[in-house]
């Protein structure tokens, strides 16, 4: 994961209208999916716990869209991650139908949607952290950029596991749907390992695409 110098041009003030509309379209689609997922949710409390990140993050990104617009690649990844959280909240992670199909098809012992969710917990935040560091810190072009990005993702994953622990302590068996351990005593370790793999793969696969996306950023105040 050695870093190469990251070249980020001064954001162009002439942004195609399609590029300006892309984040807005994604925000509307995510908001609609979030609202629709509340109806018929398998466990309303779990739905709130799983989707609270979307409830908090979406308004924040909308409020900051002119002051600190995000790259198109990051916007797309955040929308995908929000969808993963919304689906997991609607069904609960252990009961997502797509996960059941994968479990049955490959003869697995458990629904793997939770593992996929934690891979995404590393994959998407890695690009978010990288973008923040590239644009707001002296780490642009530094060899420390990739390792510190992965460390930040692991720290977030650890905090999330502590939140799950808190939910288990305060909610008892009522928190089982949120924890989605499915009887695995090593679930916490697997979750953090999946986040590590996701963050590492994200940087290896998307670094160049992210650099290109950063060069196409709209100028602040021109979203």
Protein backbone atom coordinates (compact mmCIF):
# COMPACT_ATOMS: atom_id res chain seq x y z
CA UNK A 1 0.00 0.00 0.00
CA UNK A 2 2.88 2.38 -0.60
CA UNK A 3 1.54 5.76 -1.50
CA UNK A 4 2.39 7.64 -4.66
CA UNK A 5 2.22 11.41 -4.89
CA UNK A 6 -1.41 12.41 -5.16
CA UNK A 7 -2.02 15.16 -7.63
CA UNK A 8 -5.21 17.08 -6.97
CA UNK A 9 -5.85 19.97 -9.27
CA UNK A 10 -7.57 23.09 -8.11
CA UNK A 11 -11.27 22.23 -8.51
CA UNK A 12 -12.67 23.43 -11.77
CA UNK A 13 -15.40 26.04 -11.62
CA UNK A 14 -17.01 24.74 -14.79
CA UNK A 15 -18.64 21.49 -13.76
CA UNK A 16 -21.02 19.64 -16.12
CA UNK A 17 -24.62 19.86 -14.95
CA UNK A 18 -24.78 16.07 -14.75
CA UNK A 19 -21.88 16.09 -12.31
CA UNK A 20 -23.62 18.67 -10.15
CA UNK A 21 -26.85 16.66 -10.11
CA UNK A 22 -25.26 13.30 -9.33
CA UNK A 23 -24.94 13.78 -5.53
CA UNK A 24 -28.45 15.26 -5.35
CA UNK A 25 -29.96 12.30 -7.22
CA UNK A 26 -28.13 9.87 -4.94
CA UNK A 27 -29.33 11.73 -1.85
CA UNK A 28 -32.96 11.55 -3.02
CA UNK A 29 -32.67 7.83 -3.81
CA UNK A 30 -31.09 7.04 -0.44
CA UNK A 31 -33.69 9.10 1.42
CA UNK A 32 -36.49 7.30 -0.42
CA UNK A 33 -34.95 3.89 0.33
CA UNK A 34 -34.54 4.81 3.99
CA UNK A 35 -38.13 5.92 4.32
CA UNK A 36 -39.44 2.84 2.51
CA UNK A 37 -37.35 0.48 4.64
CA UNK A 38 -39.12 1.62 7.80
CA UNK A 39 -42.37 0.03 6.64
CA UNK A 40 -42.56 -3.64 7.57
CA UNK A 41 -39.14 -3.67 9.24
CA UNK A 42 -38.52 -7.00 10.96
CA UNK A 43 -37.43 -5.31 14.19
CA UNK A 44 -38.11 -1.54 14.50
CA UNK A 45 -35.46 -1.06 17.20
CA UNK A 46 -32.83 -2.80 15.08
CA UNK A 47 -33.88 -0.73 12.08
CA UNK A 48 -33.15 2.45 14.02
CA UNK A 49 -29.80 1.19 15.31
CA UNK A 50 -28.64 0.03 11.88
CA UNK A 51 -29.79 3.04 9.90
CA UNK A 52 -28.95 5.82 12.37
CA UNK A 53 -25.69 6.38 10.45
CA UNK A 54 -27.72 7.17 7.34
CA UNK A 55 -30.11 9.39 9.30
CA UNK A 56 -27.20 11.42 10.63
CA UNK A 57 -24.86 11.32 7.66
CA UNK A 58 -27.26 12.20 4.85
CA UNK A 59 -28.43 15.56 6.29
CA UNK A 60 -24.84 16.43 7.20
CA UNK A 61 -23.61 15.83 3.65
CA UNK A 62 -26.49 17.86 2.24
CA UNK A 63 -25.70 20.77 4.57
CA UNK A 64 -22.00 20.69 3.62
CA UNK A 65 -22.51 20.07 -0.10
CA UNK A 66 -21.43 23.62 -1.12
CA UNK A 67 -18.80 24.23 1.53
CA UNK A 68 -17.12 20.83 1.15
CA UNK A 69 -18.40 18.90 -1.88
CA UNK A 70 -17.34 15.27 -2.05
CA UNK A 71 -15.88 13.51 -5.06
CA UNK A 72 -18.26 11.63 -7.32
CA UNK A 73 -16.62 8.30 -6.51
CA UNK A 74 -17.06 8.85 -2.77
CA UNK A 75 -20.69 9.93 -3.20
CA UNK A 76 -21.43 6.75 -5.12
CA UNK A 77 -19.72 4.56 -2.54
CA UNK A 78 -21.54 6.25 0.33
CA UNK A 79 -24.86 5.63 -1.43
CA UNK A 80 -24.00 1.94 -1.84
CA UNK A 81 -22.96 1.68 1.80
CA UNK A 82 -26.16 3.40 2.89
CA UNK A 83 -28.14 0.85 0.88
CA UNK A 84 -26.31 -2.02 2.61
CA UNK A 85 -27.18 -0.53 6.01
CA UNK A 86 -30.79 0.09 5.02
CA UNK A 87 -31.30 -3.47 3.78
CA UNK A 88 -29.67 -4.86 6.92
CA UNK A 89 -31.85 -2.66 9.09
CA UNK A 90 -35.05 -3.67 7.31
CA UNK A 91 -34.55 -7.44 7.52
CA UNK A 92 -31.90 -7.60 10.31
CA UNK A 93 -28.50 -8.79 9.11
CA UNK A 94 -29.04 -12.44 9.99
CA UNK A 95 -32.27 -12.61 7.95
CA UNK A 96 -31.46 -10.77 4.72
CA UNK A 97 -32.86 -12.97 1.91
CA UNK A 98 -29.86 -12.48 -0.38
CA UNK A 99 -27.62 -13.71 2.44
CA UNK A 100 -29.82 -16.79 2.86
CA UNK A 101 -29.47 -17.55 -0.84
CA UNK A 102 -25.68 -17.28 -0.65
CA UNK A 103 -25.63 -19.45 2.49
CA UNK A 104 -27.71 -22.16 0.85
CA UNK A 105 -25.88 -21.98 -2.49
CA UNK A 106 -22.41 -22.38 -0.94
CA UNK A 107 -23.47 -24.57 1.97
CA UNK A 108 -22.40 -22.05 4.61
CA UNK A 109 -23.28 -22.35 8.28
CA UNK A 110 -24.59 -18.80 8.62
CA UNK A 111 -26.06 -15.92 6.68
CA UNK A 112 -22.98 -14.02 5.40
CA UNK A 113 -24.67 -10.62 4.94
CA UNK A 114 -23.21 -9.44 8.25
CA UNK A 115 -19.71 -10.26 7.03
CA UNK A 116 -20.41 -8.37 3.82
CA UNK A 117 -21.64 -5.40 5.85
CA UNK A 118 -18.39 -5.28 7.79
CA UNK A 119 -16.34 -5.55 4.61
CA UNK A 120 -18.20 -2.47 3.44
CA UNK A 121 -17.54 -0.87 6.83
CA UNK A 122 -13.88 -0.84 5.82
CA UNK A 123 -14.20 -0.50 2.04
CA UNK A 124 -16.21 2.72 1.93
CA UNK A 125 -14.83 4.59 4.97
CA UNK A 126 -11.32 4.03 3.55
CA UNK A 127 -12.14 6.31 0.62
CA UNK A 128 -13.89 8.79 2.93
CA UNK A 129 -10.89 8.96 5.26
CA UNK A 130 -8.47 9.14 2.34
CA UNK A 131 -10.38 12.02 0.79
CA UNK A 132 -10.46 13.96 4.05
CA UNK A 133 -6.73 13.43 4.60
CA UNK A 134 -5.78 14.31 1.02
CA UNK A 135 -7.81 17.51 1.07
CA UNK A 136 -7.29 18.77 4.61
CA UNK A 137 -3.92 17.50 5.87
CA UNK A 138 -0.23 17.54 4.88
CA UNK A 139 -0.45 13.79 4.14
CA UNK A 140 -1.20 14.26 0.44
CA UNK A 141 1.45 12.26 -1.37
CA UNK A 142 2.87 10.84 1.86
CA UNK A 143 3.67 7.16 2.34
CA UNK A 144 1.77 7.41 5.61
CA UNK A 145 -1.51 8.15 3.85
CA UNK A 146 -2.52 4.52 3.22
CA UNK A 147 -1.45 3.07 6.61
CA UNK A 148 -3.16 5.85 8.55
CA UNK A 149 -6.29 5.44 6.47
CA UNK A 150 -6.44 1.74 7.33
CA UNK A 151 -5.79 2.52 11.00
CA UNK A 152 -8.66 5.00 11.03
CA UNK A 153 -11.00 2.39 9.53
CA UNK A 154 -9.95 -0.17 12.12
CA UNK A 155 -10.53 2.38 14.88
CA UNK A 156 -14.04 3.04 13.57
CA UNK A 157 -14.71 -0.70 13.41
CA UNK A 158 -13.53 -1.10 17.02
CA UNK A 159 -15.81 1.75 18.15
CA UNK A 160 -18.73 0.08 16.38
CA UNK A 161 -17.99 -3.19 18.18
CA UNK A 162 -18.00 -1.32 21.49
CA UNK A 163 -21.38 0.13 20.58
CA UNK A 164 -22.62 -3.41 19.93
CA UNK A 165 -21.23 -4.44 23.33
CA UNK A 166 -23.10 -1.53 24.93
CA UNK A 167 -26.29 -2.59 23.16
CA UNK A 168 -25.83 -6.14 24.44
CA UNK A 169 -25.28 -4.97 28.01
CA UNK A 170 -28.26 -2.61 28.05
CA UNK A 171 -30.66 -4.54 25.82
CA UNK A 172 -29.93 -8.15 26.73
CA UNK A 173 -31.62 -10.63 24.41
CA UNK A 174 -33.53 -7.76 22.78
CA UNK A 175 -30.24 -6.73 21.15
CA UNK A 176 -29.63 -10.12 19.49
CA UNK A 177 -30.99 -8.98 16.12
CA UNK A 178 -28.68 -5.96 16.18
CA UNK A 179 -25.62 -8.00 17.16
CA UNK A 180 -26.23 -10.66 14.46
CA UNK A 181 -23.61 -12.94 15.98
CA UNK A 182 -25.55 -16.05 14.89
CA UNK A 183 -23.87 -18.08 17.63
CA UNK A 184 -20.29 -17.26 16.58
CA UNK A 185 -18.14 -16.57 19.65
CA UNK A 186 -15.50 -14.97 17.40
CA UNK A 187 -17.97 -12.64 15.68
CA UNK A 188 -16.33 -9.46 17.01
CA UNK A 189 -12.91 -10.50 15.75
CA UNK A 190 -14.31 -11.53 12.38
CA UNK A 191 -16.10 -8.18 12.06
CA UNK A 192 -12.92 -6.19 12.62
CA UNK A 193 -10.93 -8.49 10.33
CA UNK A 194 -13.51 -7.98 7.57
CA UNK A 195 -13.23 -4.21 8.01
CA UNK A 196 -9.44 -4.50 7.71
CA UNK A 197 -9.73 -6.53 4.50
CA UNK A 198 -12.30 -4.11 3.10
CA UNK A 199 -10.17 -1.04 3.80
CA UNK A 200 -7.04 -2.63 2.34
CA UNK A 201 -8.81 -3.80 -0.81
CA UNK A 202 -10.43 -0.40 -1.26
CA UNK A 203 -7.08 1.40 -1.29
CA UNK A 204 -5.49 -1.16 -3.59
CA UNK A 205 -8.36 -1.17 -6.09
CA UNK A 206 -9.67 2.40 -6.03
CA UNK A 207 -6.68 4.65 -5.27
CA UNK A 208 -6.12 5.72 -8.87
CA UNK A 209 -9.83 6.08 -9.59
CA UNK A 210 -10.15 8.19 -6.46
CA UNK A 211 -7.29 10.44 -7.53
CA UNK A 212 -9.01 11.00 -10.89
CA UNK A 213 -12.32 11.71 -9.18
CA UNK A 214 -10.68 14.27 -6.91
CA UNK A 215 -9.47 16.25 -9.93
CA UNK A 216 -13.09 16.65 -11.06
CA UNK A 217 -14.35 18.15 -7.82
CA UNK A 218 -16.59 21.19 -8.18
CA UNK A 219 -15.32 24.37 -6.60
CA UNK A 220 -16.64 25.02 -3.09
CA UNK A 221 -19.75 27.15 -3.23
CA UNK A 222 -20.49 26.13 -6.82
CA UNK A 223 -22.36 22.82 -6.13
